[in-house]
Amino acid sequence: MKKYDVAIIGAGAGGYVAAIYAARSGLNVALVEKGKVGGACFNLGCIPSKIMIEHSKLIQKMNQGKEWGITSGPVQIDFPKLMQRKDVLIQQLLEDIHRYIGNNTITFYEGKGEVSKDLTVKVNGEEFQAEHIILATGSKPFVPPFKGLETTTYYTTDTIFHIKELPKQLTIIGGGVISIEMAFSLAPLGTKVTILNHSHDILQTEEPDARPIIREKLYDFGVELVLDFEFKEFRGNKIVTSRGVYTYENLLFATGRRPNVEIAESLGLEMNGRFIKVNEHYETSMPRVYAIGDIIGGYQLAHAASAEGIHVIETILGNHPEPIDQSAIPRCVYSTPEIATFGVMEDEVNPEEVIVTKLPFKFNPKALMEGNSDGFIKFISSKKDNRILGACVVADGATEILNSMLAVKVAGGTAEDLGKIIFPHPTKSELIGDAARTVFWKGIHI
């Protein structure tokens, strides 16, 4: 029977990164995947959705050009061609992952992996053993068991990216990140989008000050937001709620995901609610069996899973890595404008212990040049020692702008250190320097 130093079940963003890192660290690696490499992120989530958002942003720029005085013929959208571009890009990325795997000492097994308690792995009738196991089996869409759901048809986040024709109308159930990103993907292209969210607001895991900006942008694109109600039942293409009856042509459930924990259950691993319970180094209740990504809860983000996979390999190598600092994991929403956050938010801290600075982009030269000055930079630091505790950027390109603040935090820098950085002018990132200097009442453009 073949033996490996580590076997990884699942080749998504956490699994394939862990496999490559392990191989480059000198370990003999087996990687098992029953579907496509890249997992939900590359095939059914962050990558296809962001490609579609780029298409939407281009339409927005073309419309903005008309306002500035740049005119052309009427814009025509070849939606099947846009989706073909999406498929080509994804295929290219998947081929790259296969190439990365092939360039390293990794044995790739295609099929469903089963793990026994003696750490024997079985795939398509073939068996091998591993000294360590990493479970990276990801998650699947969750659809609430609404009354009458069997009377209708609907998309989930696993199927919506396979559409070939631009929907004239789309109703989205849910008000989280996926729902909002899909609205920004399709509404600017001409789809009439309705968002039904039973809670009182959208994006409730995100910075509260960002939500009114995003709501206003959704309204600008003709998106109908229906909030704070109760679902009653489905009747064919009608949704009955406490606010009235809503008819739809296409329906998308963006109501979260549930972890794939079948292997954990078969091994009898200790659970933490729906998720696999792990320690600070992601080891489960069974020695030498680890779990990462969506199956352990926390930030269900591709980059978090990748970081967890690398951490596990460092642990297996005996390098005793420091636990991952959860406050250093960025969270991103690819709306218009984008929202990017790390660390604590203002409503999570004691105002007597922190200094919060918030500067708008409406006076920033680069933002004004680009025609998108909505948004702000919010910076949270400790009164005691000026440590960087959190930050939020709401702006076009926020997911890139955030990184300089995050880099200073990870390097152990303070607000004072951040204020010493000489940012190029004109850039949107130069507002970071002002936000940091404002901690000491020395901001310039305020």
Protein backbone atom coordinates (compact mmCIF):
# COMPACT_ATOMS: atom_id res chain seq x y z
CA MET A 1 0.00 0.00 0.00
CA LYS A 2 1.27 3.45 -0.91
CA LYS A 3 2.09 5.79 1.95
CA TYR A 4 2.18 9.58 1.99
CA ASP A 5 3.28 12.16 4.50
CA VAL A 6 0.02 14.01 4.03
CA ALA A 7 -3.23 13.38 2.18
CA ILE A 8 -5.53 16.28 1.45
CA ILE A 9 -9.21 15.66 0.75
CA GLY A 10 -10.48 18.48 -1.44
CA ALA A 11 -8.60 20.58 -4.01
CA GLY A 12 -10.30 23.90 -3.47
CA ALA A 13 -8.57 27.12 -2.46
CA GLY A 14 -7.48 25.59 0.85
CA GLY A 15 -6.62 22.09 -0.34
CA TYR A 16 -4.58 22.74 -3.48
CA VAL A 17 -2.58 25.52 -1.80
CA ALA A 18 -1.80 23.24 1.14
CA ALA A 19 -0.77 20.45 -1.25
CA ILE A 20 1.64 22.65 -3.21
CA TYR A 21 3.09 24.21 -0.06
CA ALA A 22 3.59 20.76 1.44
CA ALA A 23 5.28 19.43 -1.69
CA ARG A 24 7.61 22.42 -1.88
CA SER A 25 8.45 21.81 1.77
CA GLY A 26 9.67 18.30 0.94
CA LEU A 27 6.61 16.25 1.91
CA ASN A 28 5.17 13.42 -0.15
CA VAL A 29 1.60 14.51 -0.90
CA ALA A 30 -1.65 12.96 -2.09
CA LEU A 31 -4.42 15.28 -3.23
CA VAL A 32 -7.97 13.98 -3.69
CA GLU A 33 -10.78 15.80 -5.53
CA LYS A 34 -14.14 14.41 -6.63
CA GLY A 35 -15.06 17.42 -8.78
CA LYS A 36 -12.98 20.17 -10.32
CA VAL A 37 -9.82 21.61 -8.81
CA GLY A 38 -10.27 25.12 -7.49
CA GLY A 39 -13.42 24.19 -5.60
CA ALA A 40 -16.40 26.49 -5.26
CA CYS A 41 -14.24 29.62 -5.41
CA PHE A 42 -12.88 29.08 -8.91
CA ASN A 43 -15.85 27.23 -10.38
CA LEU A 44 -19.00 28.42 -8.63
CA GLY A 45 -18.24 31.50 -6.56
CA CYS A 46 -15.68 34.23 -6.22
CA ILE A 47 -14.01 33.91 -9.63
CA PRO A 48 -17.10 33.69 -11.91
CA SER A 49 -18.92 36.35 -9.90
CA LYS A 50 -15.97 38.76 -10.11
CA ILE A 51 -15.64 38.18 -13.86
CA MET A 52 -19.31 39.07 -14.25
CA ILE A 53 -18.84 42.15 -12.07
CA GLU A 54 -16.00 43.29 -14.37
CA HIS A 55 -18.41 43.08 -17.31
CA SER A 56 -20.87 45.19 -15.33
CA LYS A 57 -18.21 47.75 -14.41
CA LEU A 58 -17.33 48.19 -18.06
CA ILE A 59 -20.95 49.04 -18.88
CA GLN A 60 -20.96 51.52 -16.01
CA LYS A 61 -17.79 53.17 -17.35
CA MET A 62 -19.28 53.42 -20.83
CA ASN A 63 -22.37 55.12 -19.43
CA GLN A 64 -20.19 57.42 -17.37
CA GLY A 65 -18.28 58.39 -20.52
CA LYS A 66 -21.49 59.70 -22.03
CA GLU A 67 -21.98 61.95 -19.01
CA TRP A 68 -18.45 63.29 -19.45
CA GLY A 69 -18.98 64.02 -23.14
CA ILE A 70 -17.65 60.85 -24.78
CA THR A 71 -20.38 59.49 -27.02
CA SER A 72 -20.61 56.43 -29.23
CA GLY A 73 -23.31 54.25 -30.71
CA PRO A 74 -25.86 52.42 -28.57
CA VAL A 75 -24.36 49.78 -26.27
CA GLN A 76 -25.31 46.24 -27.23
CA ILE A 77 -24.72 43.35 -24.85
CA ASP A 78 -23.87 39.91 -26.23
CA PHE A 79 -24.48 38.07 -22.97
CA PRO A 80 -23.66 34.57 -24.29
CA LYS A 81 -20.28 35.92 -25.41
CA LEU A 82 -19.66 37.46 -21.99
CA MET A 83 -20.41 34.13 -20.36
CA GLN A 84 -18.16 32.39 -22.86
CA ARG A 85 -15.37 34.74 -21.80
CA LYS A 86 -16.08 33.77 -18.18
CA ASP A 87 -15.80 30.09 -19.04
CA VAL A 88 -12.55 30.58 -20.97
CA LEU A 89 -10.95 32.50 -18.10
CA ILE A 90 -12.02 29.91 -15.54
CA GLN A 91 -10.71 27.08 -17.70
CA GLN A 92 -7.39 28.89 -18.00
CA LEU A 93 -7.17 29.28 -14.23
CA LEU A 94 -8.05 25.61 -13.66
CA GLU A 95 -5.38 24.55 -16.15
CA ASP A 96 -2.91 26.70 -14.24
CA ILE A 97 -3.81 24.92 -10.99
CA HIS A 98 -3.32 21.52 -12.65
CA ARG A 99 0.05 22.76 -13.91
CA TYR A 100 1.07 23.89 -10.42
CA ILE A 101 0.08 20.48 -9.08
CA GLY A 102 1.91 18.67 -11.87
CA ASN A 103 5.08 20.68 -11.31
CA ASN A 104 5.36 19.34 -7.77
CA THR A 105 5.65 15.92 -6.15
CA ILE A 106 1.90 15.56 -5.70
CA THR A 107 -0.09 12.46 -6.59
CA PHE A 108 -3.53 13.57 -7.76
CA TYR A 109 -6.48 11.25 -7.23
CA GLU A 110 -9.69 12.08 -9.03
CA GLY A 111 -12.74 10.73 -7.24
CA LYS A 112 -14.56 10.73 -3.93
CA GLY A 113 -12.25 10.12 -0.98
CA GLU A 114 -13.21 8.00 1.99
CA VAL A 115 -11.10 8.10 5.16
CA SER A 116 -10.98 5.40 7.83
CA LYS A 117 -9.87 5.82 11.41
CA ASP A 118 -6.44 4.27 10.72
CA LEU A 119 -5.89 7.11 8.20
CA THR A 120 -6.36 4.87 5.19
CA VAL A 121 -7.83 6.73 2.23
CA LYS A 122 -9.89 4.98 -0.42
CA VAL A 123 -10.54 6.53 -3.84
CA ASN A 124 -12.26 4.61 -6.64
CA GLY A 125 -11.26 1.29 -5.09
CA GLU A 126 -7.61 2.28 -4.67
CA GLU A 127 -6.25 2.56 -1.13
CA PHE A 128 -3.30 4.36 0.41
CA GLN A 129 -2.27 5.54 3.86
CA ALA A 130 -1.12 8.92 5.12
CA GLU A 131 0.72 10.08 8.19
CA HIS A 132 -1.51 13.15 8.31
CA ILE A 133 -4.91 13.97 6.82
CA ILE A 134 -6.24 17.42 5.94
CA LEU A 135 -9.97 17.72 5.33
CA ALA A 136 -10.78 20.56 2.93
CA THR A 137 -14.15 19.45 1.61
CA GLY A 138 -15.78 22.87 1.35
CA SER A 139 -19.48 23.65 1.41
CA LYS A 140 -22.69 23.58 -0.60
CA PRO A 141 -25.55 26.07 -1.02
CA PHE A 142 -28.25 26.14 1.62
CA VAL A 143 -31.88 26.55 0.61
CA PRO A 144 -34.30 27.09 3.51
CA PRO A 145 -37.22 24.61 3.63
CA PHE A 146 -39.92 27.14 2.77
CA LYS A 147 -43.50 26.01 2.46
CA GLY A 148 -44.46 25.37 -1.17
CA LEU A 149 -40.88 25.41 -2.44
CA GLU A 150 -41.58 22.24 -4.41
CA THR A 151 -43.98 24.22 -6.61
CA THR A 152 -41.25 26.37 -8.14
CA THR A 153 -37.86 26.21 -9.84
CA TYR A 154 -34.85 28.21 -8.75
CA TYR A 155 -31.13 28.79 -9.04
CA THR A 156 -28.54 28.42 -6.31
CA THR A 157 -25.05 29.86 -6.23
CA ASP A 158 -23.89 26.56 -7.73
CA THR A 159 -26.08 26.95 -10.82
CA ILE A 160 -26.60 30.67 -11.50
CA PHE A 161 -23.21 31.03 -13.19
CA HIS A 162 -24.21 28.57 -15.90
CA ILE A 163 -26.91 30.81 -17.38
CA LYS A 164 -26.48 31.59 -21.07
CA GLU A 165 -29.07 34.32 -21.57
CA LEU A 166 -29.33 37.61 -19.67
CA PRO A 167 -32.38 37.36 -17.38
CA LYS A 168 -34.96 40.09 -17.89
CA GLN A 169 -35.92 39.73 -14.25
CA LEU A 170 -34.27 38.09 -11.23
CA THR A 171 -35.51 37.86 -7.66
CA ILE A 172 -32.80 37.11 -5.11
CA ILE A 173 -33.59 35.66 -1.69
CA GLY A 174 -31.03 36.90 0.82
CA GLY A 175 -29.23 40.14 1.60
CA GLY A 176 -25.66 39.00 2.21
CA VAL A 177 -22.48 39.39 0.20
CA ILE A 178 -23.37 36.93 -2.58
CA SER A 179 -26.80 38.46 -3.09
CA ILE A 180 -25.44 42.00 -3.36
CA GLU A 181 -22.62 41.02 -5.70
CA MET A 182 -25.06 39.24 -8.02
CA ALA A 183 -27.26 42.33 -8.06
CA PHE A 184 -24.29 44.47 -9.08
CA SER A 185 -23.34 41.87 -11.71
CA LEU A 186 -26.67 41.87 -13.53
CA ALA A 187 -28.62 45.06 -12.80
CA PRO A 188 -26.23 47.37 -14.74
CA LEU A 189 -26.61 45.04 -17.74
CA GLY A 190 -30.36 45.57 -17.74
CA THR A 191 -31.77 42.84 -15.52
CA LYS A 192 -34.59 44.00 -13.25
CA VAL A 193 -33.42 42.75 -9.85
CA THR A 194 -35.52 42.39 -6.71
CA ILE A 195 -33.82 41.50 -3.42
CA LEU A 196 -36.00 39.95 -0.72
CA ASN A 197 -34.31 39.90 2.67
CA HIS A 198 -36.37 39.25 5.78
CA SER A 199 -33.91 41.15 8.01
CA HIS A 200 -34.05 44.90 8.50
CA ASP A 201 -30.98 45.64 6.36
CA ILE A 202 -28.52 44.22 3.82
CA LEU A 203 -24.87 43.24 4.43
CA GLN A 204 -25.30 42.88 8.17
CA THR A 205 -21.84 41.33 8.58
CA GLU A 206 -20.24 44.43 7.06
CA GLU A 207 -19.41 47.95 8.16
CA PRO A 208 -22.70 49.70 9.09
CA ASP A 209 -21.63 53.03 7.56
CA ALA A 210 -21.13 51.31 4.20
CA ARG A 211 -24.66 49.99 3.93
CA PRO A 212 -26.47 53.27 3.08
CA ILE A 213 -23.98 53.90 0.26
CA ILE A 214 -24.56 50.45 -1.21
CA ARG A 215 -28.33 50.73 -0.84
CA GLU A 216 -28.31 54.04 -2.70
CA LYS A 217 -26.24 52.55 -5.53
CA LEU A 218 -28.62 49.62 -5.81
CA TYR A 219 -31.53 52.03 -6.09
CA ASP A 220 -29.63 53.92 -8.83
CA PHE A 221 -29.47 50.66 -10.82
CA GLY A 222 -33.19 50.10 -10.39
CA VAL A 223 -32.84 47.30 -7.82
CA GLU A 224 -35.90 46.84 -5.63
CA LEU A 225 -35.04 46.15 -2.00
CA VAL A 226 -37.71 44.51 0.13
CA LEU A 227 -36.63 44.29 3.76
CA ASP A 228 -37.97 43.45 7.21
CA PHE A 229 -40.79 40.99 6.53
CA GLU A 230 -41.75 37.35 6.99
CA PHE A 231 -41.82 34.67 4.30
CA LYS A 232 -45.08 32.73 4.23
CA GLU A 233 -45.05 30.39 1.24
CA PHE A 234 -44.24 29.83 -2.42
CA ARG A 235 -46.99 29.39 -5.02
CA GLY A 236 -45.41 28.62 -8.35
CA ASN A 237 -43.73 31.84 -9.48
CA LYS A 238 -45.16 33.84 -6.59
CA ILE A 239 -43.69 34.47 -3.15
CA VAL A 240 -46.21 35.25 -0.45
CA THR A 241 -44.82 37.46 2.32
CA SER A 242 -46.13 39.60 5.15
CA ARG A 243 -45.45 42.59 2.88
CA GLY A 244 -47.41 41.26 -0.06
CA VAL A 245 -47.05 38.88 -3.00
CA TYR A 246 -44.03 39.09 -5.30
CA THR A 247 -44.00 37.52 -8.76
CA TYR A 248 -40.76 36.51 -10.43
CA GLU A 249 -39.45 35.11 -13.70
CA ASN A 250 -36.17 33.81 -12.25
CA LEU A 251 -35.35 33.05 -8.64
CA LEU A 252 -31.95 32.80 -6.93
CA PHE A 253 -31.37 31.57 -3.40
CA ALA A 254 -28.35 33.35 -1.91
CA THR A 255 -29.04 32.19 1.62
CA GLY A 256 -25.65 30.96 2.71
CA ARG A 257 -23.81 27.68 2.51
CA ARG A 258 -23.53 24.55 4.64
CA PRO A 259 -20.30 22.61 5.30
CA ASN A 260 -19.63 19.24 3.67
CA VAL A 261 -18.88 17.25 6.82
CA GLU A 262 -19.80 13.71 5.79
CA ILE A 263 -16.21 12.46 6.28
CA ALA A 264 -16.07 14.09 9.70
CA GLU A 265 -19.26 12.33 10.70
CA SER A 266 -17.95 8.97 9.50
CA LEU A 267 -14.79 9.47 11.57
CA GLY A 268 -16.76 10.53 14.62
CA LEU A 269 -14.99 13.88 14.89
CA GLU A 270 -16.14 16.30 17.54
CA MET A 271 -18.33 19.04 16.09
CA ASN A 272 -18.94 22.68 16.91
CA GLY A 273 -22.53 23.04 15.83
CA ARG A 274 -22.60 22.41 12.06
CA PHE A 275 -18.83 22.74 11.81
CA ILE A 276 -15.86 20.53 12.64
CA LYS A 277 -14.26 21.51 15.93
CA VAL A 278 -10.54 22.30 15.63
CA ASN A 279 -7.84 23.76 17.86
CA GLU A 280 -5.78 26.86 17.09
CA HIS A 281 -3.65 24.80 14.69
CA TYR A 282 -6.72 23.31 12.94
CA GLU A 283 -6.27 19.82 14.36
CA THR A 284 -9.53 17.97 14.96
CA SER A 285 -10.43 15.76 17.90
CA MET A 286 -8.62 12.94 16.10
CA PRO A 287 -4.80 13.28 16.26
CA ARG A 288 -3.08 13.95 12.91
CA VAL A 289 -6.41 14.80 11.24
CA TYR A 290 -6.85 18.48 10.40
CA ALA A 291 -9.68 20.51 8.90
CA ILE A 292 -9.62 23.86 7.07
CA GLY A 293 -11.90 26.19 5.13
CA ASP A 294 -15.68 26.29 5.08
CA ILE A 295 -16.04 23.14 7.19
CA ILE A 296 -14.66 24.81 10.34
CA GLY A 297 -16.69 28.04 10.29
CA GLY A 298 -15.15 31.45 10.93
CA TYR A 299 -14.39 33.49 7.83
CA GLN A 300 -15.60 31.35 4.93
CA LEU A 301 -13.24 32.97 2.46
CA ALA A 302 -10.87 31.47 -0.10
CA HIS A 303 -7.85 33.39 1.17
CA ALA A 304 -8.61 32.35 4.75
CA ALA A 305 -8.74 28.68 3.70
CA SER A 306 -5.42 29.03 1.85
CA ALA A 307 -3.79 30.60 4.92
CA GLU A 308 -5.16 27.82 7.12
CA GLY A 309 -3.79 25.17 4.75
CA ILE A 310 -0.30 26.69 4.88
CA HIS A 311 -0.53 26.93 8.67
CA VAL A 312 -1.38 23.22 8.93
CA ILE A 313 1.62 22.26 6.80
CA GLU A 314 3.89 24.42 8.98
CA THR A 315 2.43 22.62 12.01
CA ILE A 316 3.02 19.19 10.45
CA LEU A 317 6.61 20.21 9.69
CA GLY A 318 7.12 20.97 13.37
CA ASN A 319 7.75 24.67 12.84
CA HIS A 320 5.29 25.71 15.58
CA PRO A 321 3.64 28.59 13.72
CA GLU A 322 1.86 31.33 15.63
CA PRO A 323 -1.93 31.02 15.42
CA ILE A 324 -3.43 32.96 12.54
CA ASP A 325 -4.43 36.45 13.61
CA GLN A 326 -8.10 36.61 12.69
CA SER A 327 -8.00 40.41 12.83
CA ALA A 328 -5.52 40.36 9.93
CA ILE A 329 -7.84 38.51 7.54
CA PRO A 330 -9.38 40.97 5.06
CA ARG A 331 -13.09 40.77 4.18
CA CYS A 332 -14.23 42.02 0.80
CA VAL A 333 -17.49 42.87 -0.94
CA TYR A 334 -17.19 43.51 -4.68
CA SER A 335 -20.05 45.94 -4.91
CA THR A 336 -20.03 49.42 -6.47
CA PRO A 337 -18.22 50.87 -4.60
CA GLU A 338 -16.30 47.98 -3.04
CA ILE A 339 -16.13 47.37 0.71
CA ALA A 340 -12.90 46.09 2.25
CA THR A 341 -12.38 45.56 5.97
CA PHE A 342 -10.01 44.01 8.45
CA GLY A 343 -9.99 43.80 12.24
CA VAL A 344 -12.71 45.30 14.39
CA MET A 345 -15.52 47.58 13.30
CA GLU A 346 -16.54 50.73 15.14
CA ASP A 347 -19.67 49.19 16.62
CA GLU A 348 -17.59 46.37 18.15
CA VAL A 349 -15.25 48.46 20.31
CA ASN A 350 -15.39 50.56 23.45
CA PRO A 351 -15.25 54.19 22.26
CA GLU A 352 -13.30 55.15 25.38
CA GLU A 353 -10.44 52.84 24.39
CA VAL A 354 -10.02 53.66 20.71
CA ILE A 355 -9.61 56.52 18.28
CA VAL A 356 -11.77 56.34 15.15
CA THR A 357 -11.04 58.51 12.15
CA LYS A 358 -13.24 58.62 9.08
CA LEU A 359 -12.36 60.59 5.96
CA PRO A 360 -14.54 60.79 2.82
CA PHE A 361 -13.28 60.37 -0.74
CA LYS A 362 -15.39 63.30 -1.99
CA PHE A 363 -12.39 65.64 -1.57
CA ASN A 364 -9.79 63.20 -2.95
CA PRO A 365 -8.41 64.39 -6.33
CA LYS A 366 -7.96 60.90 -7.83
CA ALA A 367 -11.46 59.80 -6.83
CA LEU A 368 -12.91 62.95 -8.39
CA MET A 369 -10.89 62.38 -11.59
CA GLU A 370 -12.22 58.83 -11.87
CA GLY A 371 -15.77 59.97 -11.28
CA ASN A 372 -16.37 57.76 -8.27
CA SER A 373 -15.93 59.71 -5.06
CA ASP A 374 -18.51 57.80 -3.03
CA GLY A 375 -17.16 56.18 0.09
CA PHE A 376 -14.66 56.72 2.86
CA ILE A 377 -11.70 55.37 4.79
CA LYS A 378 -12.31 54.53 8.43
CA PHE A 379 -9.35 53.83 10.67
CA ILE A 380 -9.48 52.42 14.22
CA SER A 381 -6.48 52.53 16.55
CA SER A 382 -5.82 51.99 20.24
CA LYS A 383 -5.65 55.09 22.44
CA LYS A 384 -3.15 53.32 24.67
CA ASP A 385 -0.40 52.45 22.18
CA ASN A 386 -1.66 53.49 18.72
CA ARG A 387 -1.92 49.86 17.58
CA ILE A 388 -3.91 49.38 14.38
CA LEU A 389 -7.10 47.57 15.41
CA GLY A 390 -9.15 47.77 12.26
CA ALA A 391 -9.88 49.62 9.05
CA CYS A 392 -12.56 49.85 6.42
CA VAL A 393 -12.35 51.26 2.92
CA VAL A 394 -15.46 51.92 0.86
CA ALA A 395 -14.38 52.98 -2.61
CA ASP A 396 -13.79 51.89 -6.16
CA GLY A 397 -10.73 49.65 -5.75
CA ALA A 398 -11.13 49.35 -1.97
CA THR A 399 -9.96 45.73 -1.99
CA GLU A 400 -6.54 46.91 -3.23
CA ILE A 401 -6.37 50.15 -1.21
CA LEU A 402 -6.84 48.30 2.09
CA ASN A 403 -3.64 46.29 1.72
CA SER A 404 -1.15 48.97 2.72
CA MET A 405 -2.88 49.43 6.08
CA LEU A 406 -3.04 45.68 6.55
CA ALA A 407 0.65 45.29 5.70
CA VAL A 408 1.65 47.83 8.34
CA LYS A 409 -0.53 46.08 10.91
CA VAL A 410 0.93 42.65 10.13
CA ALA A 411 4.46 44.08 10.34
CA GLY A 412 3.70 45.32 13.86
CA GLY A 413 3.44 48.97 12.86
CA THR A 414 1.29 51.61 14.49
CA ALA A 415 -0.88 54.48 13.32
CA GLU A 416 2.18 56.70 13.66
CA ASP A 417 4.17 54.41 11.33
CA LEU A 418 1.34 54.42 8.80
CA GLY A 419 1.24 58.21 8.90
CA LYS A 420 4.92 58.35 7.94
CA ILE A 421 4.41 56.56 4.62
CA ILE A 422 4.80 58.87 1.64
CA PHE A 423 1.94 57.96 -0.68
CA PRO A 424 2.08 59.01 -4.35
CA HIS A 425 -0.11 61.90 -5.45
CA PRO A 426 -2.71 61.83 -6.85
CA THR A 427 -3.92 58.47 -5.57
CA LYS A 428 -6.86 57.33 -3.53
CA SER A 429 -4.50 55.55 -1.17
CA GLU A 430 -2.99 58.87 -0.03
CA LEU A 431 -6.15 59.31 2.03
CA ILE A 432 -4.76 56.50 4.22
CA GLY A 433 -1.92 58.76 5.35
CA ASP A 434 -4.37 61.49 6.30
CA ALA A 435 -6.56 59.02 8.18
CA ALA A 436 -3.53 57.84 10.18
CA ARG A 437 -2.26 61.36 10.86
CA THR A 438 -5.72 62.42 11.97
CA VAL A 439 -5.28 60.07 14.94
CA PHE A 440 -2.80 62.69 16.19
CA TRP A 441 -4.88 65.65 14.95
CA LYS A 442 -2.37 66.27 12.17
CA GLY A 443 -4.41 65.30 9.13
CA ILE A 444 -4.10 67.66 6.17
CA HIS A 445 -7.07 67.19 3.85
CA ILE A 446 -9.85 67.17 6.40
